[in-house]
Amino acid sequence: NINGMSIRVSPYSFSYVNKKVAEV
């Protein structure tokens, strides 16, 4: 859940390593 949105995480997805700051 990112800023209230449901997001799927796949084995190949990019994601920022710090979720709290990614929301910022």
mmCIF file of all heavy atoms, coordinates in Angstrom:
data_MODEL
# 
_entry.id   MODEL 
# 
loop_
_atom_site.group_PDB 
_atom_site.id 
_atom_site.type_symbol 
_atom_site.label_atom_id 
_atom_site.label_alt_id 
_atom_site.label_comp_id 
_atom_site.label_asym_id 
_atom_site.label_entity_id 
_atom_site.label_seq_id 
_atom_site.pdbx_PDB_ins_code 
_atom_site.Cartn_x 
_atom_site.Cartn_y 
_atom_site.Cartn_z 
_atom_site.occupancy 
_atom_site.B_iso_or_equiv 
_atom_site.pdbx_formal_charge 
_atom_site.auth_seq_id 
_atom_site.auth_comp_id 
_atom_site.auth_asym_id 
_atom_site.auth_atom_id 
_atom_site.pdbx_PDB_model_num 
ATOM 1   N N   . ASN A 1 1  ? 0.857  -1.181  0.000   1.00 0.00 ? 1  ASN A N   1 
ATOM 2   C CA  . ASN A 1 1  ? 0.000  0.000   0.000   1.00 0.00 ? 1  ASN A CA  1 
ATOM 3   C C   . ASN A 1 1  ? 0.894  1.232   0.000   1.00 0.00 ? 1  ASN A C   1 
ATOM 4   O O   . ASN A 1 1  ? 1.693  1.428   0.909   1.00 0.00 ? 1  ASN A O   1 
ATOM 5   C CB  . ASN A 1 1  ? -0.911 0.000   1.230   1.00 0.00 ? 1  ASN A CB  1 
ATOM 6   C CG  . ASN A 1 1  ? -1.901 1.152   1.203   1.00 0.00 ? 1  ASN A CG  1 
ATOM 7   O OD1 . ASN A 1 1  ? -1.519 2.315   1.335   1.00 0.00 ? 1  ASN A OD1 1 
ATOM 8   N ND2 . ASN A 1 1  ? -3.167 0.833   1.030   1.00 0.00 ? 1  ASN A ND2 1 
ATOM 9   N N   . ILE A 1 2  ? 0.771  2.045   -1.039  1.00 0.00 ? 2  ILE A N   1 
ATOM 10  C CA  . ILE A 1 2  ? 1.589  3.252   -1.159  1.00 0.00 ? 2  ILE A CA  1 
ATOM 11  C C   . ILE A 1 2  ? 0.673  4.466   -1.289  1.00 0.00 ? 2  ILE A C   1 
ATOM 12  O O   . ILE A 1 2  ? -0.076 4.586   -2.272  1.00 0.00 ? 2  ILE A O   1 
ATOM 13  C CB  . ILE A 1 2  ? 2.552  3.161   -2.365  1.00 0.00 ? 2  ILE A CB  1 
ATOM 14  C CG1 . ILE A 1 2  ? 3.514  1.980   -2.167  1.00 0.00 ? 2  ILE A CG1 1 
ATOM 15  C CG2 . ILE A 1 2  ? 3.310  4.471   -2.539  1.00 0.00 ? 2  ILE A CG2 1 
ATOM 16  C CD1 . ILE A 1 2  ? 4.510  1.806   -3.273  1.00 0.00 ? 2  ILE A CD1 1 
ATOM 17  N N   . ASN A 1 3  ? 0.704  5.310   -0.282  1.00 0.00 ? 3  ASN A N   1 
ATOM 18  C CA  . ASN A 1 3  ? -0.156 6.505   -0.257  1.00 0.00 ? 3  ASN A CA  1 
ATOM 19  C C   . ASN A 1 3  ? -1.613 6.153   -0.545  1.00 0.00 ? 3  ASN A C   1 
ATOM 20  O O   . ASN A 1 3  ? -2.312 6.855   -1.284  1.00 0.00 ? 3  ASN A O   1 
ATOM 21  C CB  . ASN A 1 3  ? 0.350  7.548   -1.262  1.00 0.00 ? 3  ASN A CB  1 
ATOM 22  C CG  . ASN A 1 3  ? 1.579  8.278   -0.769  1.00 0.00 ? 3  ASN A CG  1 
ATOM 23  O OD1 . ASN A 1 3  ? 1.802  8.398   0.427   1.00 0.00 ? 3  ASN A OD1 1 
ATOM 24  N ND2 . ASN A 1 3  ? 2.391  8.759   -1.699  1.00 0.00 ? 3  ASN A ND2 1 
ATOM 25  N N   . GLY A 1 4  ? -2.062 5.032   0.038   1.00 0.00 ? 4  GLY A N   1 
ATOM 26  C CA  . GLY A 1 4  ? -3.456 4.650   -0.096  1.00 0.00 ? 4  GLY A CA  1 
ATOM 27  C C   . GLY A 1 4  ? -3.794 3.841   -1.326  1.00 0.00 ? 4  GLY A C   1 
ATOM 28  O O   . GLY A 1 4  ? -4.945 3.434   -1.502  1.00 0.00 ? 4  GLY A O   1 
ATOM 29  N N   . MET A 1 5  ? -2.809 3.576   -2.196  1.00 0.00 ? 5  MET A N   1 
ATOM 30  C CA  . MET A 1 5  ? -3.047 2.786   -3.407  1.00 0.00 ? 5  MET A CA  1 
ATOM 31  C C   . MET A 1 5  ? -2.475 1.389   -3.243  1.00 0.00 ? 5  MET A C   1 
ATOM 32  O O   . MET A 1 5  ? -1.396 1.201   -2.682  1.00 0.00 ? 5  MET A O   1 
ATOM 33  C CB  . MET A 1 5  ? -2.407 3.439   -4.627  1.00 0.00 ? 5  MET A CB  1 
ATOM 34  C CG  . MET A 1 5  ? -3.205 4.574   -5.190  1.00 0.00 ? 5  MET A CG  1 
ATOM 35  S SD  . MET A 1 5  ? -2.611 5.082   -6.802  1.00 0.00 ? 5  MET A SD  1 
ATOM 36  C CE  . MET A 1 5  ? -3.903 6.250   -7.228  1.00 0.00 ? 5  MET A CE  1 
ATOM 37  N N   . SER A 1 6  ? -3.205 0.409   -3.763  1.00 0.00 ? 6  SER A N   1 
ATOM 38  C CA  . SER A 1 6  ? -2.742 -0.974  -3.740  1.00 0.00 ? 6  SER A CA  1 
ATOM 39  C C   . SER A 1 6  ? -1.820 -1.209  -4.935  1.00 0.00 ? 6  SER A C   1 
ATOM 40  O O   . SER A 1 6  ? -2.188 -0.932  -6.079  1.00 0.00 ? 6  SER A O   1 
ATOM 41  C CB  . SER A 1 6  ? -3.938 -1.927  -3.799  1.00 0.00 ? 6  SER A CB  1 
ATOM 42  O OG  . SER A 1 6  ? -3.501 -3.267  -3.783  1.00 0.00 ? 6  SER A OG  1 
ATOM 43  N N   . ILE A 1 7  ? -0.627 -1.710  -4.660  1.00 0.00 ? 7  ILE A N   1 
ATOM 44  C CA  . ILE A 1 7  ? 0.388  -1.928  -5.695  1.00 0.00 ? 7  ILE A CA  1 
ATOM 45  C C   . ILE A 1 7  ? 0.881  -3.366  -5.591  1.00 0.00 ? 7  ILE A C   1 
ATOM 46  O O   . ILE A 1 7  ? 1.133  -3.863  -4.503  1.00 0.00 ? 7  ILE A O   1 
ATOM 47  C CB  . ILE A 1 7  ? 1.582  -0.958  -5.510  1.00 0.00 ? 7  ILE A CB  1 
ATOM 48  C CG1 . ILE A 1 7  ? 1.111  0.498   -5.582  1.00 0.00 ? 7  ILE A CG1 1 
ATOM 49  C CG2 . ILE A 1 7  ? 2.681  -1.242  -6.529  1.00 0.00 ? 7  ILE A CG2 1 
ATOM 50  C CD1 . ILE A 1 7  ? 0.523  0.918   -6.909  1.00 0.00 ? 7  ILE A CD1 1 
ATOM 51  N N   . ARG A 1 8  ? 1.038  -4.037  -6.724  1.00 0.00 ? 8  ARG A N   1 
ATOM 52  C CA  . ARG A 1 8  ? 1.577  -5.388  -6.657  1.00 0.00 ? 8  ARG A CA  1 
ATOM 53  C C   . ARG A 1 8  ? 3.095  -5.353  -6.821  1.00 0.00 ? 8  ARG A C   1 
ATOM 54  O O   . ARG A 1 8  ? 3.646  -4.581  -7.604  1.00 0.00 ? 8  ARG A O   1 
ATOM 55  C CB  . ARG A 1 8  ? 0.919  -6.308  -7.679  1.00 0.00 ? 8  ARG A CB  1 
ATOM 56  C CG  . ARG A 1 8  ? 1.473  -6.288  -9.084  1.00 0.00 ? 8  ARG A CG  1 
ATOM 57  C CD  . ARG A 1 8  ? 0.783  -7.371  -9.920  1.00 0.00 ? 8  ARG A CD  1 
ATOM 58  N NE  . ARG A 1 8  ? 1.292  -7.412  -11.278 1.00 0.00 ? 8  ARG A NE  1 
ATOM 59  C CZ  . ARG A 1 8  ? 0.758  -8.165  -12.239 1.00 0.00 ? 8  ARG A CZ  1 
ATOM 60  N NH1 . ARG A 1 8  ? -0.298 -8.924  -11.973 1.00 0.00 ? 8  ARG A NH1 1 
ATOM 61  N NH2 . ARG A 1 8  ? 1.271  -8.165  -13.457 1.00 0.00 ? 8  ARG A NH2 1 
ATOM 62  N N   . VAL A 1 9  ? 3.747  -6.208  -6.063  1.00 0.00 ? 9  VAL A N   1 
ATOM 63  C CA  . VAL A 1 9  ? 5.213  -6.333  -6.096  1.00 0.00 ? 9  VAL A CA  1 
ATOM 64  C C   . VAL A 1 9  ? 5.533  -7.669  -6.747  1.00 0.00 ? 9  VAL A C   1 
ATOM 65  O O   . VAL A 1 9  ? 5.226  -8.730  -6.213  1.00 0.00 ? 9  VAL A O   1 
ATOM 66  C CB  . VAL A 1 9  ? 5.812  -6.274  -4.680  1.00 0.00 ? 9  VAL A CB  1 
ATOM 67  C CG1 . VAL A 1 9  ? 7.325  -6.426  -4.738  1.00 0.00 ? 9  VAL A CG1 1 
ATOM 68  C CG2 . VAL A 1 9  ? 5.421  -4.966  -3.993  1.00 0.00 ? 9  VAL A CG2 1 
ATOM 69  N N   . SER A 1 10 ? 6.148  -7.624  -7.916  1.00 0.00 ? 10 SER A N   1 
ATOM 70  C CA  . SER A 1 10 ? 6.536  -8.826  -8.640  1.00 0.00 ? 10 SER A CA  1 
ATOM 71  C C   . SER A 1 10 ? 8.036  -9.047  -8.463  1.00 0.00 ? 10 SER A C   1 
ATOM 72  O O   . SER A 1 10 ? 8.744  -8.165  -7.966  1.00 0.00 ? 10 SER A O   1 
ATOM 73  C CB  . SER A 1 10 ? 6.190  -8.670  -10.123 1.00 0.00 ? 10 SER A CB  1 
ATOM 74  O OG  . SER A 1 10 ? 6.951  -7.633  -10.703 1.00 0.00 ? 10 SER A OG  1 
ATOM 75  N N   . PRO A 1 11 ? 8.570  -10.192 -8.879  1.00 0.00 ? 11 PRO A N   1 
ATOM 76  C CA  . PRO A 1 11 ? 10.015 -10.415 -8.723  1.00 0.00 ? 11 PRO A CA  1 
ATOM 77  C C   . PRO A 1 11 ? 10.865 -9.456  -9.546  1.00 0.00 ? 11 PRO A C   1 
ATOM 78  O O   . PRO A 1 11 ? 12.046 -9.265  -9.261  1.00 0.00 ? 11 PRO A O   1 
ATOM 79  C CB  . PRO A 1 11 ? 10.206 -11.864 -9.185  1.00 0.00 ? 11 PRO A CB  1 
ATOM 80  C CG  . PRO A 1 11 ? 9.009  -12.199 -9.971  1.00 0.00 ? 11 PRO A CG  1 
ATOM 81  C CD  . PRO A 1 11 ? 7.888  -11.387 -9.397  1.00 0.00 ? 11 PRO A CD  1 
ATOM 82  N N   . TYR A 1 12 ? 10.287 -8.832  -10.565 1.00 0.00 ? 12 TYR A N   1 
ATOM 83  C CA  . TYR A 1 12 ? 11.040 -7.942  -11.437 1.00 0.00 ? 12 TYR A CA  1 
ATOM 84  C C   . TYR A 1 12 ? 10.693 -6.472  -11.235 1.00 0.00 ? 12 TYR A C   1 
ATOM 85  O O   . TYR A 1 12 ? 11.200 -5.607  -11.920 1.00 0.00 ? 12 TYR A O   1 
ATOM 86  C CB  . TYR A 1 12 ? 10.819 -8.325  -12.908 1.00 0.00 ? 12 TYR A CB  1 
ATOM 87  C CG  . TYR A 1 12 ? 9.392  -8.696  -13.236 1.00 0.00 ? 12 TYR A CG  1 
ATOM 88  C CD1 . TYR A 1 12 ? 8.408  -7.733  -13.412 1.00 0.00 ? 12 TYR A CD1 1 
ATOM 89  C CD2 . TYR A 1 12 ? 9.026  -10.028 -13.352 1.00 0.00 ? 12 TYR A CD2 1 
ATOM 90  C CE1 . TYR A 1 12 ? 7.101  -8.082  -13.687 1.00 0.00 ? 12 TYR A CE1 1 
ATOM 91  C CE2 . TYR A 1 12 ? 7.714  -10.398 -13.641 1.00 0.00 ? 12 TYR A CE2 1 
ATOM 92  C CZ  . TYR A 1 12 ? 6.763  -9.418  -13.810 1.00 0.00 ? 12 TYR A CZ  1 
ATOM 93  O OH  . TYR A 1 12 ? 5.460  -9.771  -14.079 1.00 0.00 ? 12 TYR A OH  1 
ATOM 94  N N   . SER A 1 13 ? 9.808  -6.146  -10.294 1.00 0.00 ? 13 SER A N   1 
ATOM 95  C CA  . SER A 1 13 ? 9.401  -4.755  -10.079 1.00 0.00 ? 13 SER A CA  1 
ATOM 96  C C   . SER A 1 13 ? 10.558 -3.920  -9.529  1.00 0.00 ? 13 SER A C   1 
ATOM 97  O O   . SER A 1 13 ? 11.316 -4.383  -8.679  1.00 0.00 ? 13 SER A O   1 
ATOM 98  C CB  . SER A 1 13 ? 8.248  -4.672  -9.078  1.00 0.00 ? 13 SER A CB  1 
ATOM 99  O OG  . SER A 1 13 ? 7.113  -5.342  -9.530  1.00 0.00 ? 13 SER A OG  1 
ATOM 100 N N   . PHE A 1 14 ? 10.628 -2.666  -9.982  1.00 0.00 ? 14 PHE A N   1 
ATOM 101 C CA  . PHE A 1 14 ? 11.494 -1.699  -9.298  1.00 0.00 ? 14 PHE A CA  1 
ATOM 102 C C   . PHE A 1 14 ? 10.734 -1.137  -8.114  1.00 0.00 ? 14 PHE A C   1 
ATOM 103 O O   . PHE A 1 14 ? 9.533  -0.849  -8.200  1.00 0.00 ? 14 PHE A O   1 
ATOM 104 C CB  . PHE A 1 14 ? 11.880 -0.544  -10.222 1.00 0.00 ? 14 PHE A CB  1 
ATOM 105 C CG  . PHE A 1 14 ? 12.491 0.619   -9.473  1.00 0.00 ? 14 PHE A CG  1 
ATOM 106 C CD1 . PHE A 1 14 ? 13.815 0.586   -9.086  1.00 0.00 ? 14 PHE A CD1 1 
ATOM 107 C CD2 . PHE A 1 14 ? 11.708 1.713   -9.114  1.00 0.00 ? 14 PHE A CD2 1 
ATOM 108 C CE1 . PHE A 1 14 ? 14.364 1.644   -8.366  1.00 0.00 ? 14 PHE A CE1 1 
ATOM 109 C CE2 . PHE A 1 14 ? 12.257 2.777   -8.404  1.00 0.00 ? 14 PHE A CE2 1 
ATOM 110 C CZ  . PHE A 1 14 ? 13.592 2.733   -8.029  1.00 0.00 ? 14 PHE A CZ  1 
ATOM 111 N N   . SER A 1 15 ? 11.415 -0.982  -6.999  1.00 0.00 ? 15 SER A N   1 
ATOM 112 C CA  . SER A 1 15 ? 10.822 -0.265  -5.868  1.00 0.00 ? 15 SER A CA  1 
ATOM 113 C C   . SER A 1 15 ? 11.929 0.445   -5.110  1.00 0.00 ? 15 SER A C   1 
ATOM 114 O O   . SER A 1 15 ? 13.054 -0.061  -5.023  1.00 0.00 ? 15 SER A O   1 
ATOM 115 C CB  . SER A 1 15 ? 10.065 -1.221  -4.935  1.00 0.00 ? 15 SER A CB  1 
ATOM 116 O OG  . SER A 1 15 ? 10.935 -2.194  -4.398  1.00 0.00 ? 15 SER A OG  1 
ATOM 117 N N   . TYR A 1 16 ? 11.627 1.628   -4.610  1.00 0.00 ? 16 TYR A N   1 
ATOM 118 C CA  . TYR A 1 16 ? 12.582 2.313   -3.743  1.00 0.00 ? 16 TYR A CA  1 
ATOM 119 C C   . TYR A 1 16 ? 12.750 1.499   -2.469  1.00 0.00 ? 16 TYR A C   1 
ATOM 120 O O   . TYR A 1 16 ? 11.775 0.965   -1.926  1.00 0.00 ? 16 TYR A O   1 
ATOM 121 C CB  . TYR A 1 16 ? 12.093 3.720   -3.426  1.00 0.00 ? 16 TYR A CB  1 
ATOM 122 C CG  . TYR A 1 16 ? 12.154 4.674   -4.591  1.00 0.00 ? 16 TYR A CG  1 
ATOM 123 C CD1 . TYR A 1 16 ? 10.993 5.074   -5.254  1.00 0.00 ? 16 TYR A CD1 1 
ATOM 124 C CD2 . TYR A 1 16 ? 13.364 5.175   -5.039  1.00 0.00 ? 16 TYR A CD2 1 
ATOM 125 C CE1 . TYR A 1 16 ? 11.039 5.941   -6.331  1.00 0.00 ? 16 TYR A CE1 1 
ATOM 126 C CE2 . TYR A 1 16 ? 13.430 6.052   -6.120  1.00 0.00 ? 16 TYR A CE2 1 
ATOM 127 C CZ  . TYR A 1 16 ? 12.264 6.434   -6.756  1.00 0.00 ? 16 TYR A CZ  1 
ATOM 128 O OH  . TYR A 1 16 ? 12.329 7.293   -7.832  1.00 0.00 ? 16 TYR A OH  1 
ATOM 129 N N   . VAL A 1 17 ? 13.993 1.408   -1.975  1.00 0.00 ? 17 VAL A N   1 
ATOM 130 C CA  . VAL A 1 17 ? 14.258 0.519   -0.842  1.00 0.00 ? 17 VAL A CA  1 
ATOM 131 C C   . VAL A 1 17 ? 13.677 1.037   0.467   1.00 0.00 ? 17 VAL A C   1 
ATOM 132 O O   . VAL A 1 17 ? 13.558 0.285   1.430   1.00 0.00 ? 17 VAL A O   1 
ATOM 133 C CB  . VAL A 1 17 ? 15.774 0.264   -0.658  1.00 0.00 ? 17 VAL A CB  1 
ATOM 134 C CG1 . VAL A 1 17 ? 16.363 -0.409  -1.880  1.00 0.00 ? 17 VAL A CG1 1 
ATOM 135 C CG2 . VAL A 1 17 ? 16.515 1.555   -0.338  1.00 0.00 ? 17 VAL A CG2 1 
ATOM 136 N N   . ASN A 1 18 ? 13.318 2.319   0.510   1.00 0.00 ? 18 ASN A N   1 
ATOM 137 C CA  . ASN A 1 18 ? 12.788 2.923   1.728   1.00 0.00 ? 18 ASN A CA  1 
ATOM 138 C C   . ASN A 1 18 ? 11.350 3.380   1.432   1.00 0.00 ? 18 ASN A C   1 
ATOM 139 O O   . ASN A 1 18 ? 11.117 4.468   0.916   1.00 0.00 ? 18 ASN A O   1 
ATOM 140 C CB  . ASN A 1 18 ? 13.662 4.112   2.142   1.00 0.00 ? 18 ASN A CB  1 
ATOM 141 C CG  . ASN A 1 18 ? 13.326 4.658   3.510   1.00 0.00 ? 18 ASN A CG  1 
ATOM 142 O OD1 . ASN A 1 18 ? 12.223 4.497   4.009   1.00 0.00 ? 18 ASN A OD1 1 
ATOM 143 N ND2 . ASN A 1 18 ? 14.293 5.326   4.120   1.00 0.00 ? 18 ASN A ND2 1 
ATOM 144 N N   . LYS A 1 19 ? 10.374 2.527   1.750   1.00 0.00 ? 19 LYS A N   1 
ATOM 145 C CA  . LYS A 1 19 ? 8.989  2.779   1.354   1.00 0.00 ? 19 LYS A CA  1 
ATOM 146 C C   . LYS A 1 19 ? 8.435  4.073   1.949   1.00 0.00 ? 19 LYS A C   1 
ATOM 147 O O   . LYS A 1 19 ? 7.724  4.831   1.285   1.00 0.00 ? 19 LYS A O   1 
ATOM 148 C CB  . LYS A 1 19 ? 8.132  1.579   1.754   1.00 0.00 ? 19 LYS A CB  1 
ATOM 149 C CG  . LYS A 1 19 ? 6.683  1.695   1.296   1.00 0.00 ? 19 LYS A CG  1 
ATOM 150 C CD  . LYS A 1 19 ? 5.732  1.794   2.458   1.00 0.00 ? 19 LYS A CD  1 
ATOM 151 C CE  . LYS A 1 19 ? 4.294  1.883   1.993   1.00 0.00 ? 19 LYS A CE  1 
ATOM 152 N NZ  . LYS A 1 19 ? 3.348  1.868   3.108   1.00 0.00 ? 19 LYS A NZ  1 
ATOM 153 N N   . LYS A 1 20 ? 8.758  4.346   3.217   1.00 0.00 ? 20 LYS A N   1 
ATOM 154 C CA  . LYS A 1 20 ? 8.234  5.555   3.861   1.00 0.00 ? 20 LYS A CA  1 
ATOM 155 C C   . LYS A 1 20 ? 8.692  6.816   3.136   1.00 0.00 ? 20 LYS A C   1 
ATOM 156 O O   . LYS A 1 20 ? 7.930  7.775   2.975   1.00 0.00 ? 20 LYS A O   1 
ATOM 157 C CB  . LYS A 1 20 ? 8.681  5.605   5.324   1.00 0.00 ? 20 LYS A CB  1 
ATOM 158 C CG  . LYS A 1 20 ? 8.128  4.494   6.205   1.00 0.00 ? 20 LYS A CG  1 
ATOM 159 C CD  . LYS A 1 20 ? 6.631  4.602   6.380   1.00 0.00 ? 20 LYS A CD  1 
ATOM 160 C CE  . LYS A 1 20 ? 6.109  3.558   7.342   1.00 0.00 ? 20 LYS A CE  1 
ATOM 161 N NZ  . LYS A 1 20 ? 4.629  3.560   7.419   1.00 0.00 ? 20 LYS A NZ  1 
ATOM 162 N N   . VAL A 1 21 ? 9.935  6.820   2.682   1.00 0.00 ? 21 VAL A N   1 
ATOM 163 C CA  . VAL A 1 21 ? 10.449 8.003   1.984   1.00 0.00 ? 21 VAL A CA  1 
ATOM 164 C C   . VAL A 1 21 ? 10.000 7.999   0.527   1.00 0.00 ? 21 VAL A C   1 
ATOM 165 O O   . VAL A 1 21 ? 9.840  9.055   -0.078  1.00 0.00 ? 21 VAL A O   1 
ATOM 166 C CB  . VAL A 1 21 ? 11.985 8.072   2.102   1.00 0.00 ? 21 VAL A CB  1 
ATOM 167 C CG1 . VAL A 1 21 ? 12.523 9.323   1.438   1.00 0.00 ? 21 VAL A CG1 1 
ATOM 168 C CG2 . VAL A 1 21 ? 12.394 8.059   3.573   1.00 0.00 ? 21 VAL A CG2 1 
ATOM 169 N N   . ALA A 1 22 ? 9.770  6.815   -0.043  1.00 0.00 ? 22 ALA A N   1 
ATOM 170 C CA  . ALA A 1 22 ? 9.225  6.755   -1.399  1.00 0.00 ? 22 ALA A CA  1 
ATOM 171 C C   . ALA A 1 22 ? 7.876  7.476   -1.452  1.00 0.00 ? 22 ALA A C   1 
ATOM 172 O O   . ALA A 1 22 ? 7.584  8.197   -2.406  1.00 0.00 ? 22 ALA A O   1 
ATOM 173 C CB  . ALA A 1 22 ? 9.072  5.307   -1.838  1.00 0.00 ? 22 ALA A CB  1 
ATOM 174 N N   . GLU A 1 23 ? 7.071  7.304   -0.412  1.00 0.00 ? 23 GLU A N   1 
ATOM 175 C CA  . GLU A 1 23 ? 5.786  8.001   -0.369  1.00 0.00 ? 23 GLU A CA  1 
ATOM 176 C C   . GLU A 1 23 ? 5.993  9.512   -0.331  1.00 0.00 ? 23 GLU A C   1 
ATOM 177 O O   . GLU A 1 23 ? 5.233  10.269  -0.962  1.00 0.00 ? 23 GLU A O   1 
ATOM 178 C CB  . GLU A 1 23 ? 4.986  7.538   0.843   1.00 0.00 ? 23 GLU A CB  1 
ATOM 179 C CG  . GLU A 1 23 ? 4.516  6.096   0.733   1.00 0.00 ? 23 GLU A CG  1 
ATOM 180 C CD  . GLU A 1 23 ? 3.686  5.640   1.926   1.00 0.00 ? 23 GLU A CD  1 
ATOM 181 O OE1 . GLU A 1 23 ? 4.068  5.966   3.071   1.00 0.00 ? 23 GLU A OE1 1 
ATOM 182 O OE2 . GLU A 1 23 ? 2.670  4.960   1.714   1.00 0.00 ? 23 GLU A OE2 1 
ATOM 183 N N   . VAL A 1 24 ? 7.026  9.956   0.382   1.00 0.00 ? 24 VAL A N   1 
ATOM 184 C CA  . VAL A 1 24 ? 7.356  11.385  0.414   1.00 0.00 ? 24 VAL A CA  1 
ATOM 185 C C   . VAL A 1 24 ? 7.749  11.852  -0.979  1.00 0.00 ? 24 VAL A C   1 
ATOM 186 O O   . VAL A 1 24 ? 7.309  12.906  -1.458  1.00 0.00 ? 24 VAL A O   1 
ATOM 187 C CB  . VAL A 1 24 ? 8.489  11.662  1.416   1.00 0.00 ? 24 VAL A CB  1 
ATOM 188 C CG1 . VAL A 1 24 ? 8.958  13.109  1.323   1.00 0.00 ? 24 VAL A CG1 1 
ATOM 189 C CG2 . VAL A 1 24 ? 8.043  11.334  2.844   1.00 0.00 ? 24 VAL A CG2 1 
# 
